[in-house]
Amino acid sequence: MHLLYCVPRSTYSEAHNNIGMQLNQSGRFDEVSEYLKKATKLDGLFAPAYYGVSLALYSMGDNVNAAFAYKKGRH
């Protein structure tokens, strides 16, 4: 059995979220969405990833989609 099959899916979403947030803090906004969107696909209820997406979009001036991502993470 491959070791990755033993890791809960939530751990993957948290890892992708952490990478995305580090990229966000570094100002690498164009790379952030790749990791945070992957986190939301792995766990559609993982609110921190939606929050991260909203921060990145807001930082890029996309206030409408930032608000949408923020609201999606609050449900």
Protein backbone atom coordinates (compact mmCIF):
# COMPACT_ATOMS: atom_id res chain seq x y z
CA MET A 1 0.00 0.00 0.00
CA HIS A 2 1.30 3.44 -0.90
CA LEU A 3 1.92 5.71 2.06
CA LEU A 4 -0.16 8.58 0.65
CA TYR A 5 -3.27 6.43 0.81
CA CYS A 6 -2.90 6.40 4.60
CA VAL A 7 -3.08 10.19 4.93
CA PRO A 8 -6.56 11.66 5.46
CA ARG A 9 -7.83 13.88 2.66
CA SER A 10 -8.20 16.77 5.09
CA THR A 11 -4.43 16.76 5.56
CA TYR A 12 -4.00 17.34 1.82
CA SER A 13 -6.39 20.26 1.86
CA GLU A 14 -4.58 21.77 4.85
CA ALA A 15 -1.20 21.35 3.13
CA HIS A 16 -2.45 23.02 -0.06
CA ASN A 17 -3.98 25.79 2.03
CA ASN A 18 -0.73 26.38 3.90
CA ILE A 19 1.27 26.62 0.68
CA GLY A 20 -1.32 28.98 -0.79
CA MET A 21 -1.27 31.22 2.26
CA GLN A 22 2.54 31.39 2.22
CA LEU A 23 2.44 32.39 -1.44
CA ASN A 24 -0.20 34.99 -0.61
CA GLN A 25 1.99 36.49 2.12
CA SER A 26 4.88 36.57 -0.36
CA GLY A 27 2.77 38.55 -2.83
CA ARG A 28 2.74 35.74 -5.39
CA PHE A 29 -0.99 36.11 -5.99
CA ASP A 30 -0.99 34.49 -9.43
CA GLU A 31 0.19 31.20 -7.87
CA VAL A 32 -2.10 31.29 -4.84
CA SER A 33 -5.30 30.22 -6.56
CA GLU A 34 -3.78 26.97 -7.85
CA TYR A 35 -3.14 25.69 -4.33
CA LEU A 36 -6.21 27.09 -2.64
CA LYS A 37 -8.59 25.87 -5.34
CA LYS A 38 -7.05 22.42 -4.98
CA ALA A 39 -7.67 22.62 -1.22
CA THR A 40 -11.34 23.45 -1.79
CA LYS A 41 -11.69 20.59 -4.29
CA LEU A 42 -10.24 18.15 -1.78
CA ASP A 43 -12.51 19.40 0.98
CA GLY A 44 -15.40 21.58 -0.11
CA LEU A 45 -16.12 22.54 3.50
CA PHE A 46 -12.60 23.73 4.31
CA ALA A 47 -13.37 27.37 5.11
CA PRO A 48 -9.75 28.57 5.52
CA ALA A 49 -9.07 27.85 1.84
CA TYR A 50 -12.03 29.95 0.73
CA TYR A 51 -10.82 32.72 3.01
CA GLY A 52 -7.39 32.48 1.40
CA VAL A 53 -8.90 32.66 -2.07
CA SER A 54 -10.84 35.75 -1.03
CA LEU A 55 -7.66 37.42 0.30
CA ALA A 56 -5.75 36.70 -2.90
CA LEU A 57 -8.58 37.96 -5.12
CA TYR A 58 -8.97 41.07 -3.00
CA SER A 59 -5.23 41.72 -3.23
CA MET A 60 -5.49 41.53 -7.02
CA GLY A 61 -8.40 44.01 -7.04
CA ASP A 62 -11.13 41.47 -7.80
CA ASN A 63 -13.47 42.54 -5.01
CA VAL A 64 -16.61 40.90 -6.42
CA ASN A 65 -15.13 37.40 -6.63
CA ALA A 66 -13.30 37.95 -3.34
CA ALA A 67 -16.65 38.59 -1.63
CA PHE A 68 -18.15 35.53 -3.31
CA ALA A 69 -15.29 33.27 -2.12
CA TYR A 70 -15.53 34.70 1.40
CA LYS A 71 -19.28 34.05 1.58
CA LYS A 72 -18.86 30.54 0.19
CA GLY A 73 -16.42 29.73 2.97
CA ARG A 74 -18.82 30.92 5.65
CA HIS A 75 -21.44 28.28 4.84
